[in-house]
C-alpha atoms as a PDB file:
ATOM      1  CA  ALA A   1      41.787  63.181  28.921  1.00  0.00           C
ATOM      2  CA  ARG A   2      43.848  64.296  26.004  1.00  0.00           C
ATOM      3  CA  ALA A   3      47.201  62.909  24.997  1.00  0.00           C
ATOM      4  CA  VAL A   4      50.078  65.374  24.857  1.00  0.00           C
ATOM      5  CA  ALA A   5      52.983  65.307  22.389  1.00  0.00           C
ATOM      6  CA  LEU A   6      56.228  66.611  23.880  1.00  0.00           C
ATOM      7  CA  ASP A   7      59.504  67.134  22.089  1.00  0.00           C
ATOM      8  CA  ALA A   8      62.638  65.532  23.529  1.00  0.00           C
ATOM      9  CA  ALA A   9      63.652  68.601  25.586  1.00  0.00           C
ATOM     10  CA  GLN A  10      60.151  68.985  27.054  1.00  0.00           C
ATOM     11  CA  LEU A  11      59.989  65.278  27.872  1.00  0.00           C
ATOM     12  CA  LYS A  12      63.385  65.443  29.590  1.00  0.00           C
ATOM     13  CA  ALA A  13      62.291  68.488  31.631  1.00  0.00           C
ATOM     14  CA  LEU A  14      58.981  66.845  32.574  1.00  0.00           C
ATOM     15  CA  ASN A  15      60.689  63.631  33.626  1.00  0.00           C
ATOM     16  CA  ALA A  16      63.163  65.614  35.773  1.00  0.00           C
ATOM     17  CA  GLU A  17      60.272  67.318  37.582  1.00  0.00           C
ATOM     18  CA  LEU A  18      58.343  64.085  38.076  1.00  0.00           C
ATOM     19  CA  LEU A  19      61.404  62.190  39.265  1.00  0.00           C
ATOM     20  CA  GLY A  20      61.820  64.551  42.191  1.00  0.00           C
ATOM     21  CA  MET A  21      58.159  64.624  43.259  1.00  0.00           C
ATOM     22  CA  GLU A  22      58.360  62.011  46.011  1.00  0.00           C
ATOM     23  CA  ARG A  23      61.702  63.305  47.242  1.00  0.00           C
ATOM     24  CA  ALA A  24      60.122  66.750  47.549  1.00  0.00           C
ATOM     25  CA  LEU A  25      58.056  65.355  50.436  1.00  0.00           C
ATOM     26  CA  THR A  26      61.109  64.625  52.572  1.00  0.00           C
ATOM     27  CA  ASP A  27      63.172  66.655  55.020  1.00  0.00           C
ATOM     28  CA  VAL A  28      66.834  65.834  55.661  1.00  0.00           C
ATOM     29  CA  ARG A  29      66.312  66.453  59.393  1.00  0.00           C
ATOM     30  CA  GLY A  30      63.978  63.457  59.595  1.00  0.00           C
ATOM     31  CA  LEU A  31      61.326  62.745  62.203  1.00  0.00           C
ATOM     32  CA  PRO A  32      61.536  62.916  65.999  1.00  0.00           C
ATOM     33  CA  GLY A  33      62.926  59.680  67.386  1.00  0.00           C
ATOM     34  CA  ARG A  34      63.943  58.417  63.929  1.00  0.00           C
ATOM     35  CA  ALA A  35      66.073  60.945  62.109  1.00  0.00           C
ATOM     36  CA  TRP A  36      66.759  58.365  59.392  1.00  0.00           C
ATOM     37  CA  TYR A  37      63.072  58.476  58.324  1.00  0.00           C
ATOM     38  CA  ARG A  38      62.631  61.650  56.309  1.00  0.00           C
ATOM     39  CA  HIS A  39      59.186  61.485  54.696  1.00  0.00           C
ATOM     40  CA  LEU A  40      56.895  64.076  56.297  1.00  0.00           C
ATOM     41  CA  ILE A  41      53.631  62.904  54.719  1.00  0.00           C
ATOM     42  CA  TYR A  42      53.604  59.273  55.839  1.00  0.00           C
ATOM     43  CA  ALA A  43      55.833  57.091  57.978  1.00  0.00           C
ATOM     44  CA  PRO A  44      55.667  54.061  60.230  1.00  0.00           C
ATOM     45  CA  GLY A  45      54.433  55.208  63.627  1.00  0.00           C
ATOM     46  CA  LEU A  46      57.063  55.673  66.317  1.00  0.00           C
ATOM     47  CA  LEU A  47      55.127  53.378  68.655  1.00  0.00           C
ATOM     48  CA  THR A  48      52.985  51.434  66.168  1.00  0.00           C
ATOM     49  CA  GLY A  49      55.570  49.394  64.319  1.00  0.00           C
ATOM     50  CA  TYR A  50      54.862  49.280  60.615  1.00  0.00           C
ATOM     51  CA  GLY A  51      51.394  50.829  60.834  1.00  0.00           C
ATOM     52  CA  ALA A  52      51.552  53.980  58.704  1.00  0.00           C
ATOM     53  CA  LYS A  53      50.776  57.386  60.145  1.00  0.00           C
ATOM     54  CA  THR A  54      49.938  60.376  57.998  1.00  0.00           C
ATOM     55  CA  LEU A  55      51.680  63.689  58.725  1.00  0.00           C
ATOM     56  CA  PRO A  56      53.709  61.869  61.385  1.00  0.00           C
ATOM     57  CA  GLY A  57      55.713  64.813  62.700  1.00  0.00           C
ATOM     58  CA  VAL A  58      52.554  66.833  63.337  1.00  0.00           C
ATOM     59  CA  ARG A  59      50.293  63.984  64.368  1.00  0.00           C
ATOM     60  CA  GLU A  60      52.582  62.306  66.869  1.00  0.00           C
ATOM     61  CA  ALA A  61      53.537  65.615  68.473  1.00  0.00           C
ATOM     62  CA  ILE A  62      49.847  66.472  68.925  1.00  0.00           C
ATOM     63  CA  GLU A  63      49.051  62.997  70.272  1.00  0.00           C
ATOM     64  CA  GLN A  64      51.823  63.388  72.854  1.00  0.00           C
ATOM     65  CA  ARG A  65      50.886  67.026  73.596  1.00  0.00           C
ATOM     66  CA  ARG A  66      54.289  68.352  72.517  1.00  0.00           C
ATOM     67  CA  TRP A  67      52.899  71.613  71.196  1.00  0.00           C
ATOM     68  CA  GLU A  68      56.173  73.324  70.323  1.00  0.00           C
ATOM     69  CA  GLU A  69      57.220  70.302  68.261  1.00  0.00           C
ATOM     70  CA  ALA A  70      53.766  70.179  66.634  1.00  0.00           C
ATOM     71  CA  ASN A  71      54.118  73.819  65.595  1.00  0.00           C
ATOM     72  CA  GLU A  72      57.592  73.151  64.194  1.00  0.00           C
ATOM     73  CA  TYR A  73      56.360  70.196  62.132  1.00  0.00           C
ATOM     74  CA  VAL A  74      53.315  72.123  60.888  1.00  0.00           C
ATOM     75  CA  LEU A  75      55.718  74.683  59.418  1.00  0.00           C
ATOM     76  CA  ARG A  76      58.147  72.073  58.062  1.00  0.00           C
ATOM     77  CA  THR A  77      55.326  70.043  56.517  1.00  0.00           C
ATOM     78  CA  ALA A  78      53.736  73.141  54.995  1.00  0.00           C
ATOM     79  CA  ALA A  79      57.097  74.096  53.469  1.00  0.00           C
ATOM     80  CA  ILE A  80      57.607  70.707  51.827  1.00  0.00           C
ATOM     81  CA  LEU A  81      54.016  70.723  50.535  1.00  0.00           C
ATOM     82  CA  ALA A  82      54.594  74.175  49.030  1.00  0.00           C
ATOM     83  CA  GLY A  83      57.724  72.845  47.314  1.00  0.00           C
ATOM     84  CA  TYR A  84      55.751  69.856  46.051  1.00  0.00           C
ATOM     85  CA  CYS A  85      53.059  72.165  44.638  1.00  0.00           C
ATOM     86  CA  ASP A  86      55.743  74.227  42.898  1.00  0.00           C
ATOM     87  CA  ARG A  87      57.098  71.079  41.221  1.00  0.00           C
ATOM     88  CA  LEU A  88      53.603  70.023  40.217  1.00  0.00           C
ATOM     89  CA  ASP A  89      52.935  73.463  38.719  1.00  0.00           C
ATOM     90  CA  ARG A  90      56.191  73.284  36.732  1.00  0.00           C
ATOM     91  CA  ALA A  91      55.325  69.789  35.467  1.00  0.00           C
ATOM     92  CA  ALA A  92      51.818  70.897  34.468  1.00  0.00           C
ATOM     93  CA  SER A  93      53.277  73.915  32.670  1.00  0.00           C
ATOM     94  CA  ILE A  94      55.663  71.729  30.676  1.00  0.00           C
ATOM     95  CA  ALA A  95      52.833  69.323  29.757  1.00  0.00           C
ATOM     96  CA  ALA A  96      50.582  72.233  28.754  1.00  0.00           C
ATOM     97  CA  ARG A  97      53.218  73.471  26.277  1.00  0.00           C
ATOM     98  CA  GLY A  98      53.041  70.168  24.396  1.00  0.00           C
ATOM     99  CA  GLY A  99      50.637  69.823  21.508  1.00  0.00           C
ATOM    100  CA  SER A 100      47.593  67.561  21.592  1.00  0.00           C
ATOM    101  CA  LEU A 101      47.688  64.220  19.825  1.00  0.00           C
END
């Protein structure tokens, strides 16, 4: 791996992108049965207490055979992942503009 030297403006822009990465994986509408929990990649299971479930909106809907809800959460999850990828691409672009140390 190579070290990258960024000027102050590039570093500020990179930090702004990175700061929002985790938030980019959330949806303000939350999850079924727990609207307060907004992370669409992992969450405590609705019926499993603190045991984490991955892709909870999709997974739990499939497990309970709620196909319309599963389809909705597939689309919502895909949208937040696309937004996450966009942020990652912007961060990589900023880092690539920096010179090597």
